[in-house]
Amino acid sequence: MNEINGVTKDGEKCDSYAACLELINAGADIDYDGASGVLNFVDAGEPGAGYYDLWHFDEGGRIVVDDTVPVG
């Protein structure tokens, strides 16, 4: 947990445990972007990037995603 900020930005991109571990073992600095996408944690330990979905309910009460907007 102490390294979450350091492994989510400013390094070589990887998107799985295996890929990141391979880079770490090779001495690389990593930038983990997992299933949720880009993280880039800030000093406060919170995500500095992400996405918002803009959506509405259709006539049947189902959610319809109109757009996905990157933030950060």
C-alpha atoms as a PDB file:
ATOM      1  CA  MET A   1       0.000   0.000   0.000  1.00  0.00           C
ATOM      2  CA  ASN A   2       2.930   2.358   0.589  1.00  0.00           C
ATOM      3  CA  GLU A   3       3.859   2.294  -3.104  1.00  0.00           C
ATOM      4  CA  ILE A   4       0.437   2.753  -4.737  1.00  0.00           C
ATOM      5  CA  ASN A   5       1.211   6.305  -5.889  1.00  0.00           C
ATOM      6  CA  GLY A   6       4.583   5.312  -7.344  1.00  0.00           C
ATOM      7  CA  VAL A   7       3.344   2.355  -9.384  1.00  0.00           C
ATOM      8  CA  THR A   8       0.392   4.115 -11.019  1.00  0.00           C
ATOM      9  CA  LYS A   9       2.189   6.902 -12.899  1.00  0.00           C
ATOM     10  CA  ASP A  10       5.388   8.015 -14.611  1.00  0.00           C
ATOM     11  CA  GLY A  11       6.696   4.577 -15.560  1.00  0.00           C
ATOM     12  CA  GLU A  12       6.466   1.900 -18.213  1.00  0.00           C
ATOM     13  CA  LYS A  13       2.826   0.967 -18.896  1.00  0.00           C
ATOM     14  CA  CYS A  14       1.576  -2.471 -17.845  1.00  0.00           C
ATOM     15  CA  ASP A  15      -1.957  -3.788 -17.353  1.00  0.00           C
ATOM     16  CA  SER A  16      -1.687  -7.075 -15.480  1.00  0.00           C
ATOM     17  CA  TYR A  17       0.111  -8.501 -12.471  1.00  0.00           C
ATOM     18  CA  ALA A  18       2.255 -10.740 -14.679  1.00  0.00           C
ATOM     19  CA  ALA A  19       3.250  -7.936 -17.060  1.00  0.00           C
ATOM     20  CA  CYS A  20       4.036  -5.547 -14.217  1.00  0.00           C
ATOM     21  CA  LEU A  21       6.020  -8.167 -12.294  1.00  0.00           C
ATOM     22  CA  GLU A  22       8.098  -8.902 -15.385  1.00  0.00           C
ATOM     23  CA  LEU A  23       8.938  -5.198 -15.719  1.00  0.00           C
ATOM     24  CA  ILE A  24       9.742  -4.841 -12.010  1.00  0.00           C
ATOM     25  CA  ASN A  25      12.033  -7.884 -12.116  1.00  0.00           C
ATOM     26  CA  ALA A  26      13.812  -6.263 -15.081  1.00  0.00           C
ATOM     27  CA  GLY A  27      14.407  -3.143 -12.963  1.00  0.00           C
ATOM     28  CA  ALA A  28      11.799  -0.929 -14.647  1.00  0.00           C
ATOM     29  CA  ASP A  29       9.598   1.693 -13.022  1.00  0.00           C
ATOM     30  CA  ILE A  30       5.989   0.747 -13.762  1.00  0.00           C
ATOM     31  CA  ASP A  31       2.768   2.610 -14.494  1.00  0.00           C
ATOM     32  CA  TYR A  32      -0.055   0.156 -13.746  1.00  0.00           C
ATOM     33  CA  ASP A  33      -3.320   0.711 -15.618  1.00  0.00           C
ATOM     34  CA  GLY A  34      -5.692  -2.086 -14.683  1.00  0.00           C
ATOM     35  CA  ALA A  35      -9.247  -3.087 -15.470  1.00  0.00           C
ATOM     36  CA  SER A  36     -10.583   0.290 -14.350  1.00  0.00           C
ATOM     37  CA  GLY A  37      -8.230   2.139 -16.705  1.00  0.00           C
ATOM     38  CA  VAL A  38      -5.740   4.914 -16.012  1.00  0.00           C
ATOM     39  CA  LEU A  39      -5.194   5.627 -12.306  1.00  0.00           C
ATOM     40  CA  ASN A  40      -2.307   8.119 -11.820  1.00  0.00           C
ATOM     41  CA  PHE A  41      -2.724   8.348  -8.047  1.00  0.00           C
ATOM     42  CA  VAL A  42      -1.953  11.765  -6.551  1.00  0.00           C
ATOM     43  CA  ASP A  43       0.016  12.449  -3.344  1.00  0.00           C
ATOM     44  CA  ALA A  44      -3.178  12.168  -1.274  1.00  0.00           C
ATOM     45  CA  GLY A  45      -3.494   8.524  -2.412  1.00  0.00           C
ATOM     46  CA  GLU A  46      -6.539   9.092  -4.598  1.00  0.00           C
ATOM     47  CA  PRO A  47      -6.949   8.478  -8.334  1.00  0.00           C
ATOM     48  CA  GLY A  48      -5.921  11.502 -10.387  1.00  0.00           C
ATOM     49  CA  ALA A  49      -7.576  10.243 -13.557  1.00  0.00           C
ATOM     50  CA  GLY A  50     -10.612   8.253 -14.509  1.00  0.00           C
ATOM     51  CA  TYR A  51     -13.819   8.253 -16.515  1.00  0.00           C
ATOM     52  CA  TYR A  52     -17.403   9.353 -16.047  1.00  0.00           C
ATOM     53  CA  ASP A  53     -20.255   7.728 -17.934  1.00  0.00           C
ATOM     54  CA  LEU A  54     -23.059   9.985 -19.107  1.00  0.00           C
ATOM     55  CA  TRP A  55     -26.262   7.961 -19.275  1.00  0.00           C
ATOM     56  CA  HIS A  56     -30.033   7.961 -19.161  1.00  0.00           C
ATOM     57  CA  PHE A  57     -32.865   5.500 -18.607  1.00  0.00           C
ATOM     58  CA  ASP A  58     -34.716   4.276 -21.681  1.00  0.00           C
ATOM     59  CA  GLU A  59     -38.471   3.667 -21.833  1.00  0.00           C
ATOM     60  CA  GLY A  60     -37.993   0.193 -20.353  1.00  0.00           C
ATOM     61  CA  GLY A  61     -36.048   1.500 -17.357  1.00  0.00           C
ATOM     62  CA  ARG A  62     -32.702   0.234 -18.642  1.00  0.00           C
ATOM     63  CA  ILE A  63     -29.534   2.318 -18.436  1.00  0.00           C
ATOM     64  CA  VAL A  64     -28.201   3.560 -21.773  1.00  0.00           C
ATOM     65  CA  VAL A  65     -24.640   4.941 -21.819  1.00  0.00           C
ATOM     66  CA  ASP A  66     -24.521   8.048 -24.028  1.00  0.00           C
ATOM     67  CA  ASP A  67     -20.835   8.899 -23.645  1.00  0.00           C
ATOM     68  CA  THR A  68     -17.724   8.107 -21.599  1.00  0.00           C
ATOM     69  CA  VAL A  69     -15.697  11.161 -20.598  1.00  0.00           C
ATOM     70  CA  PRO A  70     -12.048  11.005 -19.443  1.00  0.00           C
ATOM     71  CA  VAL A  71     -11.180  13.123 -16.401  1.00  0.00           C
ATOM     72  CA  GLY A  72      -7.713  14.101 -15.262  1.00  0.00           C
END
